[in-house]
């Protein structure tokens, strides 16, 4: 009986090894950050992290379920800290209007502030507004992790 218990314990111990699984070379997929708006939703597709010095690329998807959506409007990059939130960069983005289905807008940020200075490692926010056909504005945001 005792030998059966030892064999059982060894079998359990060998199946519960504490080894760390190997890391995959596969990159993490984009994150989809949804925001509900009165007549549908807005999705922001971002990467889980961005490398310092690379261009940040994101996709804004407008998905009205009724009526229309227009945006992104007044797109900015913000940084938050102990002293509050500050606008780092005003982005030049051509807004679109979507009446049915969905529409995508590509957004790019060269990781520079409005003065042209490079920014460093931090968490930034992509913030913009969308307006529906009833004139209701919704502010949408997504975090951009720069490492």
C-alpha atoms as a PDB file:
ATOM      1  CA  UNK A   1       0.000   0.000   0.000  1.00  0.00           C
ATOM      2  CA  UNK A   2       2.827   2.329   0.945  1.00  0.00           C
ATOM      3  CA  UNK A   3       4.650   1.691  -2.345  1.00  0.00           C
ATOM      4  CA  UNK A   4       1.477   2.518  -4.285  1.00  0.00           C
ATOM      5  CA  UNK A   5       1.253   5.839  -2.435  1.00  0.00           C
ATOM      6  CA  UNK A   6       4.890   6.643  -3.293  1.00  0.00           C
ATOM      7  CA  UNK A   7       4.315   5.786  -6.970  1.00  0.00           C
ATOM      8  CA  UNK A   8       1.177   7.961  -7.013  1.00  0.00           C
ATOM      9  CA  UNK A   9       3.000  10.896  -5.407  1.00  0.00           C
ATOM     10  CA  UNK A  10       5.882  10.593  -7.890  1.00  0.00           C
ATOM     11  CA  UNK A  11       3.437  10.566 -10.801  1.00  0.00           C
ATOM     12  CA  UNK A  12       1.698  13.693  -9.504  1.00  0.00           C
ATOM     13  CA  UNK A  13       5.002  15.455  -8.843  1.00  0.00           C
ATOM     14  CA  UNK A  14       6.333  14.721 -12.325  1.00  0.00           C
ATOM     15  CA  UNK A  15       3.152  16.103 -13.910  1.00  0.00           C
ATOM     16  CA  UNK A  16       3.326  19.319 -11.859  1.00  0.00           C
ATOM     17  CA  UNK A  17       6.770  20.556 -12.736  1.00  0.00           C
ATOM     18  CA  UNK A  18       7.502  24.200 -12.036  1.00  0.00           C
ATOM     19  CA  UNK A  19       9.263  24.836 -15.328  1.00  0.00           C
ATOM     20  CA  UNK A  20       8.395  28.013 -17.204  1.00  0.00           C
ATOM     21  CA  UNK A  21       6.939  27.460 -20.669  1.00  0.00           C
ATOM     22  CA  UNK A  22       9.155  28.754 -23.480  1.00  0.00           C
ATOM     23  CA  UNK A  23       8.331  32.185 -24.867  1.00  0.00           C
ATOM     24  CA  UNK A  24       6.865  32.375 -28.288  1.00  0.00           C
ATOM     25  CA  UNK A  25       8.314  34.657 -30.950  1.00  0.00           C
ATOM     26  CA  UNK A  26       4.767  35.482 -32.039  1.00  0.00           C
ATOM     27  CA  UNK A  27       3.869  39.139 -31.394  1.00  0.00           C
ATOM     28  CA  UNK A  28       0.862  39.975 -29.262  1.00  0.00           C
ATOM     29  CA  UNK A  29      -2.200  40.782 -31.342  1.00  0.00           C
ATOM     30  CA  UNK A  30      -3.681  44.253 -31.430  1.00  0.00           C
ATOM     31  CA  UNK A  31      -5.921  45.280 -28.568  1.00  0.00           C
ATOM     32  CA  UNK A  32      -9.457  46.378 -29.411  1.00  0.00           C
ATOM     33  CA  UNK A  33     -10.744  49.020 -27.004  1.00  0.00           C
ATOM     34  CA  UNK A  34     -14.511  49.506 -27.447  1.00  0.00           C
ATOM     35  CA  UNK A  35     -16.472  52.557 -26.332  1.00  0.00           C
ATOM     36  CA  UNK A  36     -20.268  52.649 -26.433  1.00  0.00           C
ATOM     37  CA  UNK A  37     -21.845  55.731 -28.003  1.00  0.00           C
ATOM     38  CA  UNK A  38     -25.593  56.534 -28.076  1.00  0.00           C
ATOM     39  CA  UNK A  39     -26.085  55.015 -31.532  1.00  0.00           C
ATOM     40  CA  UNK A  40     -23.393  52.337 -31.748  1.00  0.00           C
ATOM     41  CA  UNK A  41     -19.771  51.957 -30.757  1.00  0.00           C
ATOM     42  CA  UNK A  42     -16.264  53.160 -31.482  1.00  0.00           C
ATOM     43  CA  UNK A  43     -13.335  50.749 -31.439  1.00  0.00           C
ATOM     44  CA  UNK A  44      -9.705  51.794 -31.117  1.00  0.00           C
ATOM     45  CA  UNK A  45      -7.186  49.181 -32.268  1.00  0.00           C
ATOM     46  CA  UNK A  46      -3.766  49.633 -30.670  1.00  0.00           C
ATOM     47  CA  UNK A  47      -0.752  47.457 -29.939  1.00  0.00           C
ATOM     48  CA  UNK A  48      -0.118  46.310 -26.389  1.00  0.00           C
ATOM     49  CA  UNK A  49       3.127  48.341 -26.345  1.00  0.00           C
ATOM     50  CA  UNK A  50       5.122  50.596 -28.647  1.00  0.00           C
ATOM     51  CA  UNK A  51       8.902  51.005 -28.700  1.00  0.00           C
ATOM     52  CA  UNK A  52      10.362  54.438 -27.966  1.00  0.00           C
ATOM     53  CA  UNK A  53      11.160  56.198 -31.231  1.00  0.00           C
ATOM     54  CA  UNK A  54       8.799  54.127 -33.398  1.00  0.00           C
ATOM     55  CA  UNK A  55       5.733  55.612 -35.035  1.00  0.00           C
ATOM     56  CA  UNK A  56       2.575  54.818 -33.118  1.00  0.00           C
ATOM     57  CA  UNK A  57      -0.101  53.507 -35.449  1.00  0.00           C
ATOM     58  CA  UNK A  58      -3.686  52.973 -34.361  1.00  0.00           C
ATOM     59  CA  UNK A  59      -6.983  52.390 -36.118  1.00  0.00           C
ATOM     60  CA  UNK A  60     -10.213  54.088 -35.139  1.00  0.00           C
ATOM     61  CA  UNK A  61     -13.319  52.190 -36.226  1.00  0.00           C
ATOM     62  CA  UNK A  62     -16.741  53.894 -36.208  1.00  0.00           C
ATOM     63  CA  UNK A  63     -19.627  51.420 -35.996  1.00  0.00           C
ATOM     64  CA  UNK A  64     -23.068  53.080 -35.918  1.00  0.00           C
ATOM     65  CA  UNK A  65     -26.033  50.756 -35.359  1.00  0.00           C
ATOM     66  CA  UNK A  66     -28.480  53.525 -36.295  1.00  0.00           C
ATOM     67  CA  UNK A  67     -27.991  56.910 -37.915  1.00  0.00           C
ATOM     68  CA  UNK A  68     -24.430  58.056 -38.489  1.00  0.00           C
ATOM     69  CA  UNK A  69     -21.166  58.764 -36.691  1.00  0.00           C
ATOM     70  CA  UNK A  70     -18.537  61.380 -37.578  1.00  0.00           C
ATOM     71  CA  UNK A  71     -14.996  61.387 -36.263  1.00  0.00           C
ATOM     72  CA  UNK A  72     -12.339  61.366 -35.062  1.00  0.00           C
ATOM     73  CA  UNK A  73     -12.480  65.061 -34.197  1.00  0.00           C
ATOM     74  CA  UNK A  74      -9.908  67.066 -32.222  1.00  0.00           C
ATOM     75  CA  UNK A  75      -7.518  64.113 -31.855  1.00  0.00           C
ATOM     76  CA  UNK A  76      -4.714  64.676 -29.353  1.00  0.00           C
ATOM     77  CA  UNK A  77      -2.067  62.737 -27.473  1.00  0.00           C
ATOM     78  CA  UNK A  78      -2.115  63.409 -23.736  1.00  0.00           C
ATOM     79  CA  UNK A  79       0.166  62.561 -20.840  1.00  0.00           C
ATOM     80  CA  UNK A  80      -1.068  62.309 -17.262  1.00  0.00           C
ATOM     81  CA  UNK A  81       0.967  62.676 -14.119  1.00  0.00           C
ATOM     82  CA  UNK A  82       0.959  64.007 -10.605  1.00  0.00           C
ATOM     83  CA  UNK A  83       0.438  67.540 -11.914  1.00  0.00           C
ATOM     84  CA  UNK A  84      -2.596  66.678 -14.057  1.00  0.00           C
ATOM     85  CA  UNK A  85      -3.142  65.964 -17.723  1.00  0.00           C
ATOM     86  CA  UNK A  86      -1.267  67.813 -20.444  1.00  0.00           C
ATOM     87  CA  UNK A  87      -1.702  67.764 -24.205  1.00  0.00           C
ATOM     88  CA  UNK A  88       1.503  66.494 -25.788  1.00  0.00           C
ATOM     89  CA  UNK A  89       0.552  66.592 -29.461  1.00  0.00           C
ATOM     90  CA  UNK A  90      -2.348  67.758 -31.618  1.00  0.00           C
ATOM     91  CA  UNK A  91      -2.841  65.203 -34.397  1.00  0.00           C
ATOM     92  CA  UNK A  92      -3.875  65.954 -37.945  1.00  0.00           C
ATOM     93  CA  UNK A  93      -6.573  63.412 -38.767  1.00  0.00           C
ATOM     94  CA  UNK A  94      -9.167  63.605 -41.535  1.00  0.00           C
ATOM     95  CA  UNK A  95     -12.532  62.669 -39.984  1.00  0.00           C
ATOM     96  CA  UNK A  96     -14.989  60.392 -41.757  1.00  0.00           C
ATOM     97  CA  UNK A  97     -18.767  59.990 -41.611  1.00  0.00           C
ATOM     98  CA  UNK A  98     -20.234  56.492 -41.462  1.00  0.00           C
ATOM     99  CA  UNK A  99     -23.941  55.832 -42.104  1.00  0.00           C
ATOM    100  CA  UNK A 100     -24.053  52.033 -42.178  1.00  0.00           C
ATOM    101  CA  UNK A 101     -21.639  49.233 -41.437  1.00  0.00           C
ATOM    102  CA  UNK A 102     -18.284  50.498 -40.218  1.00  0.00           C
ATOM    103  CA  UNK A 103     -15.501  52.796 -41.306  1.00  0.00           C
ATOM    104  CA  UNK A 104     -11.830  52.917 -40.312  1.00  0.00           C
ATOM    105  CA  UNK A 105      -9.465  55.833 -39.882  1.00  0.00           C
ATOM    106  CA  UNK A 106      -5.706  55.309 -39.532  1.00  0.00           C
ATOM    107  CA  UNK A 107      -3.924  57.481 -36.979  1.00  0.00           C
ATOM    108  CA  UNK A 108      -0.162  57.925 -36.749  1.00  0.00           C
ATOM    109  CA  UNK A 109       1.956  59.704 -34.123  1.00  0.00           C
ATOM    110  CA  UNK A 110       5.708  60.129 -34.583  1.00  0.00           C
ATOM    111  CA  UNK A 111       6.292  60.234 -30.787  1.00  0.00           C
ATOM    112  CA  UNK A 112       7.073  63.922 -30.844  1.00  0.00           C
ATOM    113  CA  UNK A 113       5.346  66.726 -28.985  1.00  0.00           C
ATOM    114  CA  UNK A 114       3.910  69.852 -30.600  1.00  0.00           C
ATOM    115  CA  UNK A 115       7.335  71.530 -30.357  1.00  0.00           C
ATOM    116  CA  UNK A 116       8.961  68.670 -32.294  1.00  0.00           C
ATOM    117  CA  UNK A 117      10.780  67.200 -29.296  1.00  0.00           C
ATOM    118  CA  UNK A 118      10.917  63.396 -28.960  1.00  0.00           C
ATOM    119  CA  UNK A 119       8.997  61.945 -26.019  1.00  0.00           C
ATOM    120  CA  UNK A 120      10.172  59.083 -23.820  1.00  0.00           C
ATOM    121  CA  UNK A 121       8.857  56.027 -22.056  1.00  0.00           C
ATOM    122  CA  UNK A 122       5.449  56.639 -20.497  1.00  0.00           C
ATOM    123  CA  UNK A 123       1.769  55.862 -20.833  1.00  0.00           C
ATOM    124  CA  UNK A 124       0.050  58.275 -23.194  1.00  0.00           C
ATOM    125  CA  UNK A 125      -3.586  58.625 -24.196  1.00  0.00           C
ATOM    126  CA  UNK A 126      -5.047  58.983 -27.660  1.00  0.00           C
ATOM    127  CA  UNK A 127      -8.151  61.133 -27.109  1.00  0.00           C
ATOM    128  CA  UNK A 128     -10.727  62.329 -29.649  1.00  0.00           C
ATOM    129  CA  UNK A 129     -14.436  63.044 -30.070  1.00  0.00           C
ATOM    130  CA  UNK A 130     -17.131  61.500 -32.248  1.00  0.00           C
ATOM    131  CA  UNK A 131     -20.503  63.060 -33.012  1.00  0.00           C
ATOM    132  CA  UNK A 132     -23.673  61.219 -33.965  1.00  0.00           C
ATOM    133  CA  UNK A 133     -26.385  62.497 -36.311  1.00  0.00           C
ATOM    134  CA  UNK A 134     -28.365  63.840 -33.327  1.00  0.00           C
ATOM    135  CA  UNK A 135     -25.438  66.128 -32.429  1.00  0.00           C
ATOM    136  CA  UNK A 136     -24.386  64.130 -29.352  1.00  0.00           C
ATOM    137  CA  UNK A 137     -20.621  64.231 -28.791  1.00  0.00           C
ATOM    138  CA  UNK A 138     -18.729  61.420 -27.051  1.00  0.00           C
ATOM    139  CA  UNK A 139     -15.101  61.614 -25.967  1.00  0.00           C
ATOM    140  CA  UNK A 140     -13.157  58.427 -26.652  1.00  0.00           C
ATOM    141  CA  UNK A 141      -9.715  57.496 -25.387  1.00  0.00           C
ATOM    142  CA  UNK A 142      -7.182  54.686 -25.509  1.00  0.00           C
ATOM    143  CA  UNK A 143      -3.943  54.172 -23.613  1.00  0.00           C
ATOM    144  CA  UNK A 144      -0.705  53.915 -25.567  1.00  0.00           C
ATOM    145  CA  UNK A 145       2.081  52.209 -23.621  1.00  0.00           C
ATOM    146  CA  UNK A 146       5.471  53.420 -24.836  1.00  0.00           C
ATOM    147  CA  UNK A 147       8.378  51.338 -23.550  1.00  0.00           C
END
